[in-house]
């Protein structure tokens, strides 16, 4: 589990790359585990290790987001980011329904739903990265 903690901590910085960063976090956990112990992992074990690294990375990111929103009163900034995301997905940010959706996601219960969704996606993507890395990092047969 030490590899998951280290990879999750580093994953906080790797996650600057959207989606691919969290996959790389899971892969990094498997790589660090294999490097420290010299043992290869099955795809299912790599998936669990990658998922654990994703959960650690999510926890670190969530603490920083919560501090930013609660302590520095950056709720308006959060709403602006949500508007940009809505525009990126082709939604009209001037539409009253979109405005209402973003307002609901800015409430405490909406933030909790957003965090839960982020946790599920983050752990799933990191688990995929861990499974891929364990499949690709098998020891090479010696000739």
N, C-alpha and C. Protein backbone atom coordinates (compact mmCIF):
# COMPACT_ATOMS: atom_id res chain seq x y z
N UNK A 1 0.81 -1.20 0.00
CA UNK A 1 0.00 0.00 0.00
C UNK A 1 0.85 1.27 0.00
N UNK A 2 2.12 1.12 0.33
CA UNK A 2 3.00 2.28 0.31
C UNK A 2 3.09 2.85 -1.10
N UNK A 3 3.11 1.98 -2.09
CA UNK A 3 3.18 2.43 -3.48
C UNK A 3 1.94 3.23 -3.84
N UNK A 4 0.77 2.82 -3.32
CA UNK A 4 -0.48 3.56 -3.59
C UNK A 4 -0.44 4.94 -2.95
N UNK A 5 0.11 5.03 -1.75
CA UNK A 5 0.20 6.33 -1.08
C UNK A 5 1.14 7.28 -1.81
N UNK A 6 2.29 6.76 -2.20
CA UNK A 6 3.27 7.60 -2.92
C UNK A 6 2.71 8.01 -4.28
N UNK A 7 2.15 7.06 -5.00
CA UNK A 7 1.59 7.36 -6.33
C UNK A 7 0.40 8.31 -6.22
N UNK A 8 -0.41 8.15 -5.19
CA UNK A 8 -1.54 9.05 -4.99
C UNK A 8 -1.08 10.47 -4.69
N UNK A 9 -0.03 10.59 -3.89
CA UNK A 9 0.53 11.91 -3.60
C UNK A 9 1.10 12.56 -4.85
N UNK A 10 1.82 11.78 -5.63
CA UNK A 10 2.35 12.31 -6.90
C UNK A 10 1.23 12.53 -7.91
N UNK A 11 0.19 11.73 -7.81
CA UNK A 11 -0.95 11.87 -8.70
C UNK A 11 -1.65 13.21 -8.58
N UNK A 12 -1.55 13.81 -7.42
CA UNK A 12 -2.12 15.15 -7.24
C UNK A 12 -1.53 16.12 -8.26
N UNK A 13 -0.24 15.96 -8.54
CA UNK A 13 0.43 16.82 -9.51
C UNK A 13 0.24 16.32 -10.94
N UNK A 14 0.20 15.00 -11.11
CA UNK A 14 0.03 14.42 -12.44
C UNK A 14 -1.36 14.75 -12.98
N UNK A 15 -2.33 14.93 -12.11
CA UNK A 15 -3.71 15.16 -12.53
C UNK A 15 -3.93 16.50 -13.22
N UNK A 16 -2.86 17.24 -13.43
CA UNK A 16 -2.95 18.46 -14.23
C UNK A 16 -3.38 18.08 -15.65
N UNK A 17 -3.01 16.87 -16.07
CA UNK A 17 -3.42 16.35 -17.37
C UNK A 17 -4.81 15.71 -17.17
N UNK A 18 -5.86 16.30 -17.70
CA UNK A 18 -7.21 15.76 -17.46
C UNK A 18 -7.35 14.32 -17.93
N UNK A 19 -7.98 13.51 -17.13
CA UNK A 19 -8.29 12.10 -17.36
C UNK A 19 -7.06 11.22 -17.52
N UNK A 20 -6.14 11.56 -18.39
CA UNK A 20 -4.94 10.75 -18.58
C UNK A 20 -4.09 10.76 -17.31
N UNK A 21 -4.08 11.87 -16.59
CA UNK A 21 -3.29 11.98 -15.37
C UNK A 21 -3.69 10.96 -14.32
N UNK A 22 -4.99 10.72 -14.17
CA UNK A 22 -5.43 9.77 -13.15
C UNK A 22 -5.13 8.33 -13.60
N UNK A 23 -5.17 8.07 -14.90
CA UNK A 23 -4.78 6.75 -15.41
C UNK A 23 -3.29 6.52 -15.14
N UNK A 24 -2.50 7.57 -15.36
CA UNK A 24 -1.07 7.48 -15.10
C UNK A 24 -0.78 7.29 -13.61
N UNK A 25 -1.63 7.83 -12.75
CA UNK A 25 -1.46 7.64 -11.31
C UNK A 25 -1.59 6.17 -10.95
N UNK A 26 -2.60 5.50 -11.49
CA UNK A 26 -2.75 4.06 -11.25
C UNK A 26 -1.59 3.26 -11.79
N UNK A 27 -1.10 3.65 -12.97
CA UNK A 27 0.05 2.97 -13.56
C UNK A 27 1.30 3.18 -12.72
N UNK A 28 1.46 4.39 -12.21
CA UNK A 28 2.63 4.70 -11.38
C UNK A 28 2.63 3.85 -10.11
N UNK A 29 1.47 3.62 -9.54
CA UNK A 29 1.39 2.80 -8.32
C UNK A 29 1.91 1.39 -8.59
N UNK A 30 1.50 0.81 -9.72
CA UNK A 30 1.97 -0.54 -10.06
C UNK A 30 3.46 -0.53 -10.34
N UNK A 31 3.93 0.48 -11.04
CA UNK A 31 5.36 0.58 -11.34
C UNK A 31 6.17 0.68 -10.04
N UNK A 32 5.73 1.53 -9.12
CA UNK A 32 6.46 1.69 -7.86
C UNK A 32 6.43 0.41 -7.03
N UNK A 33 5.30 -0.29 -7.03
CA UNK A 33 5.20 -1.56 -6.31
C UNK A 33 6.17 -2.58 -6.88
N UNK A 34 6.18 -2.67 -8.19
CA UNK A 34 7.06 -3.64 -8.85
C UNK A 34 8.52 -3.29 -8.64
N UNK A 35 8.83 -2.00 -8.68
CA UNK A 35 10.22 -1.56 -8.51
C UNK A 35 10.71 -1.81 -7.09
N UNK A 36 9.85 -1.59 -6.10
CA UNK A 36 10.28 -1.76 -4.71
C UNK A 36 10.40 -3.22 -4.31
N UNK A 37 9.49 -4.06 -4.81
CA UNK A 37 9.51 -5.45 -4.40
C UNK A 37 10.01 -6.41 -5.44
N UNK A 38 10.08 -5.96 -6.67
CA UNK A 38 10.52 -6.83 -7.75
C UNK A 38 9.47 -7.85 -8.17
N UNK A 39 8.28 -7.75 -7.61
CA UNK A 39 7.22 -8.70 -7.92
C UNK A 39 6.25 -8.11 -8.92
N UNK A 40 5.77 -8.94 -9.84
CA UNK A 40 4.76 -8.47 -10.77
C UNK A 40 3.38 -8.74 -10.16
N UNK A 41 2.40 -8.02 -10.65
CA UNK A 41 1.04 -8.16 -10.15
C UNK A 41 0.14 -8.68 -11.24
N UNK A 42 -0.91 -9.39 -10.84
CA UNK A 42 -1.93 -9.77 -11.81
C UNK A 42 -2.71 -8.52 -12.17
N UNK A 43 -3.50 -8.58 -13.21
CA UNK A 43 -4.28 -7.42 -13.64
C UNK A 43 -5.28 -7.01 -12.56
N UNK A 44 -5.87 -7.97 -11.88
CA UNK A 44 -6.85 -7.62 -10.84
C UNK A 44 -6.16 -6.97 -9.64
N UNK A 45 -4.99 -7.46 -9.25
CA UNK A 45 -4.26 -6.84 -8.14
C UNK A 45 -3.77 -5.45 -8.54
N UNK A 46 -3.31 -5.31 -9.79
CA UNK A 46 -2.90 -4.00 -10.28
C UNK A 46 -4.05 -3.02 -10.32
N UNK A 47 -5.22 -3.53 -10.66
CA UNK A 47 -6.41 -2.69 -10.67
C UNK A 47 -6.76 -2.20 -9.27
N UNK A 48 -6.67 -3.08 -8.29
CA UNK A 48 -6.95 -2.68 -6.90
C UNK A 48 -5.92 -1.67 -6.40
N UNK A 49 -4.65 -1.91 -6.71
CA UNK A 49 -3.60 -0.98 -6.29
C UNK A 49 -3.77 0.37 -6.98
N UNK A 50 -4.07 0.36 -8.27
CA UNK A 50 -4.31 1.61 -8.99
C UNK A 50 -5.52 2.34 -8.43
N UNK A 51 -6.58 1.62 -8.12
CA UNK A 51 -7.77 2.23 -7.54
C UNK A 51 -7.48 2.87 -6.19
N UNK A 52 -6.64 2.20 -5.39
CA UNK A 52 -6.26 2.78 -4.10
C UNK A 52 -5.46 4.07 -4.30
N UNK A 53 -4.58 4.09 -5.28
CA UNK A 53 -3.82 5.30 -5.58
C UNK A 53 -4.75 6.41 -6.05
N UNK A 54 -5.75 6.05 -6.85
CA UNK A 54 -6.74 7.03 -7.29
C UNK A 54 -7.53 7.61 -6.12
N UNK A 55 -7.86 6.77 -5.14
CA UNK A 55 -8.59 7.25 -3.96
C UNK A 55 -7.73 8.21 -3.13
N UNK A 56 -6.43 7.89 -3.00
CA UNK A 56 -5.52 8.78 -2.27
C UNK A 56 -5.40 10.12 -2.98
N UNK A 57 -5.24 10.07 -4.30
CA UNK A 57 -5.12 11.30 -5.08
C UNK A 57 -6.40 12.13 -4.97
N UNK A 58 -7.56 11.46 -5.01
CA UNK A 58 -8.83 12.15 -4.86
C UNK A 58 -8.94 12.82 -3.50
N UNK A 59 -8.53 12.12 -2.45
CA UNK A 59 -8.62 12.68 -1.10
C UNK A 59 -7.77 13.94 -0.98
N UNK A 60 -6.56 13.89 -1.51
CA UNK A 60 -5.69 15.06 -1.44
C UNK A 60 -6.29 16.22 -2.22
N UNK A 61 -6.77 15.94 -3.43
CA UNK A 61 -7.37 16.98 -4.26
C UNK A 61 -8.61 17.57 -3.61
N UNK A 62 -9.42 16.72 -2.99
CA UNK A 62 -10.66 17.18 -2.35
C UNK A 62 -10.38 18.12 -1.20
N UNK A 63 -9.35 17.83 -0.43
CA UNK A 63 -9.00 18.71 0.68
C UNK A 63 -8.63 20.09 0.16
N UNK A 64 -7.83 20.13 -0.89
CA UNK A 64 -7.43 21.42 -1.44
C UNK A 64 -8.60 22.18 -2.06
N UNK A 65 -9.50 21.48 -2.73
CA UNK A 65 -10.68 22.13 -3.31
C UNK A 65 -11.58 22.66 -2.21
N UNK A 66 -11.79 21.87 -1.16
CA UNK A 66 -12.64 22.32 -0.06
C UNK A 66 -12.05 23.55 0.63
N UNK A 67 -10.75 23.54 0.85
CA UNK A 67 -10.11 24.71 1.47
C UNK A 67 -10.28 25.92 0.57
N UNK A 68 -10.07 25.72 -0.72
CA UNK A 68 -10.18 26.84 -1.65
C UNK A 68 -11.59 27.43 -1.65
N UNK A 69 -12.60 26.58 -1.65
CA UNK A 69 -13.99 27.06 -1.70
C UNK A 69 -14.42 27.64 -0.36
N UNK A 70 -14.12 26.95 0.74
CA UNK A 70 -14.63 27.37 2.04
C UNK A 70 -13.82 28.50 2.67
N UNK A 71 -12.50 28.38 2.63
CA UNK A 71 -11.66 29.37 3.31
C UNK A 71 -11.47 30.62 2.47
N UNK A 72 -11.24 30.42 1.18
CA UNK A 72 -10.96 31.57 0.33
C UNK A 72 -12.20 32.07 -0.40
N UNK A 73 -13.35 31.51 -0.07
CA UNK A 73 -14.64 31.96 -0.63
C UNK A 73 -14.59 32.00 -2.15
N UNK A 74 -14.16 30.92 -2.76
CA UNK A 74 -14.01 30.86 -4.21
C UNK A 74 -15.20 30.17 -4.88
N UNK A 75 -16.39 30.31 -4.30
CA UNK A 75 -17.57 29.67 -4.86
C UNK A 75 -17.90 30.24 -6.24
N UNK A 76 -17.77 31.55 -6.40
CA UNK A 76 -18.04 32.15 -7.70
C UNK A 76 -17.05 31.64 -8.76
N UNK A 77 -15.82 31.48 -8.36
CA UNK A 77 -14.81 30.93 -9.27
C UNK A 77 -15.19 29.50 -9.67
N UNK A 78 -15.68 28.72 -8.72
CA UNK A 78 -16.14 27.36 -8.99
C UNK A 78 -17.29 27.38 -9.98
N UNK A 79 -18.23 28.29 -9.79
CA UNK A 79 -19.36 28.40 -10.71
C UNK A 79 -18.90 28.81 -12.11
N UNK A 80 -17.91 29.68 -12.20
CA UNK A 80 -17.38 30.08 -13.50
C UNK A 80 -16.75 28.89 -14.23
N UNK A 81 -16.04 28.06 -13.48
CA UNK A 81 -15.45 26.86 -14.08
C UNK A 81 -16.55 25.93 -14.57
N UNK A 82 -17.61 25.79 -13.78
CA UNK A 82 -18.73 24.95 -14.19
C UNK A 82 -19.37 25.48 -15.47
N UNK A 83 -19.47 26.80 -15.61
CA UNK A 83 -20.00 27.39 -16.84
C UNK A 83 -19.10 27.06 -18.03
N UNK A 84 -17.79 27.13 -17.84
CA UNK A 84 -16.87 26.78 -18.92
C UNK A 84 -17.01 25.32 -19.32
N UNK A 85 -17.19 24.45 -18.32
CA UNK A 85 -17.37 23.03 -18.62
C UNK A 85 -18.68 22.82 -19.38
N UNK A 86 -19.74 23.52 -18.97
CA UNK A 86 -21.02 23.42 -19.67
C UNK A 86 -20.87 23.88 -21.11
N UNK A 87 -20.14 24.96 -21.34
CA UNK A 87 -19.91 25.43 -22.71
C UNK A 87 -19.09 24.42 -23.51
N UNK A 88 -18.12 23.78 -22.86
CA UNK A 88 -17.29 22.79 -23.55
C UNK A 88 -18.11 21.59 -24.00
N UNK A 89 -19.17 21.27 -23.25
CA UNK A 89 -20.04 20.16 -23.62
C UNK A 89 -21.17 20.59 -24.54
N UNK A 90 -21.11 21.83 -25.01
CA UNK A 90 -22.09 22.31 -25.99
C UNK A 90 -23.37 22.84 -25.39
N UNK A 91 -23.41 23.06 -24.09
CA UNK A 91 -24.60 23.62 -23.46
C UNK A 91 -24.55 25.14 -23.54
N UNK A 92 -25.69 25.76 -23.65
CA UNK A 92 -25.78 27.21 -23.69
C UNK A 92 -25.77 27.74 -22.26
N UNK A 93 -24.70 28.39 -21.87
CA UNK A 93 -24.59 28.85 -20.48
C UNK A 93 -25.55 29.98 -20.15
N UNK A 94 -26.15 30.59 -21.16
CA UNK A 94 -27.14 31.64 -20.91
C UNK A 94 -28.53 31.06 -20.67
N UNK A 95 -28.69 29.78 -20.94
CA UNK A 95 -29.98 29.11 -20.74
C UNK A 95 -30.31 29.07 -19.25
N UNK A 96 -31.52 29.49 -18.86
CA UNK A 96 -31.89 29.48 -17.43
C UNK A 96 -31.81 28.09 -16.78
N UNK A 97 -32.07 27.03 -17.55
CA UNK A 97 -31.99 25.69 -16.98
C UNK A 97 -30.54 25.33 -16.65
N UNK A 98 -29.61 25.72 -17.50
CA UNK A 98 -28.19 25.47 -17.24
C UNK A 98 -27.74 26.28 -16.03
N UNK A 99 -28.17 27.53 -15.95
CA UNK A 99 -27.84 28.39 -14.81
C UNK A 99 -28.36 27.77 -13.51
N UNK A 100 -29.60 27.25 -13.56
CA UNK A 100 -30.20 26.62 -12.37
C UNK A 100 -29.43 25.36 -11.97
N UNK A 101 -29.01 24.56 -12.98
CA UNK A 101 -28.25 23.34 -12.69
C UNK A 101 -26.92 23.69 -12.01
N UNK A 102 -26.25 24.71 -12.52
CA UNK A 102 -24.97 25.11 -11.93
C UNK A 102 -25.18 25.65 -10.53
N UNK A 103 -26.25 26.38 -10.32
CA UNK A 103 -26.55 26.89 -8.97
C UNK A 103 -26.81 25.72 -8.01
N UNK A 104 -27.55 24.71 -8.47
CA UNK A 104 -27.82 23.54 -7.61
C UNK A 104 -26.55 22.77 -7.31
N UNK A 105 -25.63 22.70 -8.27
CA UNK A 105 -24.37 22.00 -8.02
C UNK A 105 -23.45 22.79 -7.10
N UNK A 106 -23.75 24.07 -6.87
CA UNK A 106 -22.94 24.90 -5.99
C UNK A 106 -23.42 24.87 -4.55
N UNK A 107 -24.52 24.20 -4.29
CA UNK A 107 -25.00 24.06 -2.92
C UNK A 107 -24.19 22.97 -2.22
N UNK A 108 -24.26 22.87 -0.91
CA UNK A 108 -23.52 21.81 -0.22
C UNK A 108 -23.86 20.40 -0.71
N UNK A 109 -25.15 20.14 -0.94
CA UNK A 109 -25.51 18.80 -1.43
C UNK A 109 -25.02 18.60 -2.86
N UNK A 110 -25.06 19.65 -3.67
CA UNK A 110 -24.55 19.55 -5.04
C UNK A 110 -23.06 19.32 -5.07
N UNK A 111 -22.33 19.99 -4.17
CA UNK A 111 -20.89 19.77 -4.08
C UNK A 111 -20.58 18.33 -3.64
N UNK A 112 -21.39 17.80 -2.74
CA UNK A 112 -21.20 16.42 -2.29
C UNK A 112 -21.43 15.45 -3.44
N UNK A 113 -22.45 15.70 -4.26
CA UNK A 113 -22.71 14.83 -5.41
C UNK A 113 -21.55 14.92 -6.41
N UNK A 114 -21.07 16.14 -6.62
CA UNK A 114 -19.94 16.32 -7.54
C UNK A 114 -18.71 15.58 -7.02
N UNK A 115 -18.45 15.66 -5.72
CA UNK A 115 -17.30 14.95 -5.15
C UNK A 115 -17.45 13.44 -5.26
N UNK A 116 -18.65 12.94 -5.01
CA UNK A 116 -18.90 11.51 -5.12
C UNK A 116 -18.68 11.03 -6.55
N UNK A 117 -19.20 11.78 -7.51
CA UNK A 117 -19.02 11.44 -8.92
C UNK A 117 -17.53 11.46 -9.28
N UNK A 118 -16.81 12.46 -8.79
CA UNK A 118 -15.37 12.56 -9.05
C UNK A 118 -14.62 11.38 -8.45
N UNK A 119 -15.02 10.96 -7.26
CA UNK A 119 -14.38 9.80 -6.62
C UNK A 119 -14.56 8.54 -7.46
N UNK A 120 -15.78 8.29 -7.89
CA UNK A 120 -16.06 7.09 -8.67
C UNK A 120 -15.28 7.09 -9.98
N UNK A 121 -15.31 8.21 -10.69
CA UNK A 121 -14.58 8.30 -11.97
C UNK A 121 -13.08 8.19 -11.73
N UNK A 122 -12.57 8.87 -10.71
CA UNK A 122 -11.14 8.85 -10.42
C UNK A 122 -10.63 7.47 -10.06
N UNK A 123 -11.35 6.76 -9.20
CA UNK A 123 -10.93 5.41 -8.81
C UNK A 123 -11.02 4.47 -10.01
N UNK A 124 -12.08 4.61 -10.81
CA UNK A 124 -12.23 3.73 -11.98
C UNK A 124 -11.09 3.95 -12.98
N UNK A 125 -10.77 5.20 -13.28
CA UNK A 125 -9.70 5.47 -14.24
C UNK A 125 -8.34 5.03 -13.71
N UNK A 126 -8.08 5.24 -12.43
CA UNK A 126 -6.81 4.80 -11.85
C UNK A 126 -6.73 3.28 -11.82
N UNK A 127 -7.85 2.61 -11.59
CA UNK A 127 -7.87 1.15 -11.61
C UNK A 127 -7.57 0.63 -13.01
N UNK A 128 -8.10 1.31 -14.02
CA UNK A 128 -7.78 0.93 -15.40
C UNK A 128 -6.29 1.09 -15.65
N UNK A 129 -5.72 2.20 -15.18
CA UNK A 129 -4.28 2.41 -15.33
C UNK A 129 -3.47 1.35 -14.63
N UNK A 130 -3.89 0.96 -13.43
CA UNK A 130 -3.19 -0.09 -12.70
C UNK A 130 -3.27 -1.43 -13.41
N UNK A 131 -4.43 -1.76 -13.94
CA UNK A 131 -4.59 -3.03 -14.66
C UNK A 131 -3.74 -3.04 -15.93
N UNK A 132 -3.74 -1.92 -16.65
CA UNK A 132 -2.93 -1.84 -17.87
C UNK A 132 -1.44 -1.98 -17.55
N UNK A 133 -1.01 -1.27 -16.52
CA UNK A 133 0.42 -1.33 -16.16
C UNK A 133 0.82 -2.73 -15.71
N UNK A 134 -0.04 -3.39 -14.95
CA UNK A 134 0.33 -4.74 -14.50
C UNK A 134 0.36 -5.71 -15.67
N UNK A 135 -0.46 -5.49 -16.67
CA UNK A 135 -0.45 -6.36 -17.85
C UNK A 135 0.78 -6.09 -18.71
N UNK A 136 1.22 -4.84 -18.75
CA UNK A 136 2.35 -4.47 -19.61
C UNK A 136 3.69 -4.63 -18.93
N UNK A 137 3.72 -4.63 -17.61
CA UNK A 137 4.99 -4.69 -16.88
C UNK A 137 5.32 -6.09 -16.37
N UNK A 138 4.83 -7.11 -17.03
CA UNK A 138 5.20 -8.47 -16.63
C UNK A 138 6.69 -8.68 -16.86
N UNK A 139 7.32 -9.49 -16.03
CA UNK A 139 8.75 -9.73 -16.25
C UNK A 139 8.99 -10.42 -17.60
N UNK A 140 10.03 -10.02 -18.25
CA UNK A 140 10.38 -10.61 -19.54
C UNK A 140 11.06 -11.95 -19.30
N UNK A 141 10.72 -12.94 -20.11
CA UNK A 141 11.38 -14.24 -19.96
C UNK A 141 12.85 -14.13 -20.33
N UNK A 142 13.67 -14.79 -19.55
CA UNK A 142 15.13 -14.76 -19.80
C UNK A 142 15.51 -15.84 -20.81
N UNK A 143 16.37 -15.48 -21.70
CA UNK A 143 16.78 -16.44 -22.73
C UNK A 143 18.03 -17.18 -22.35
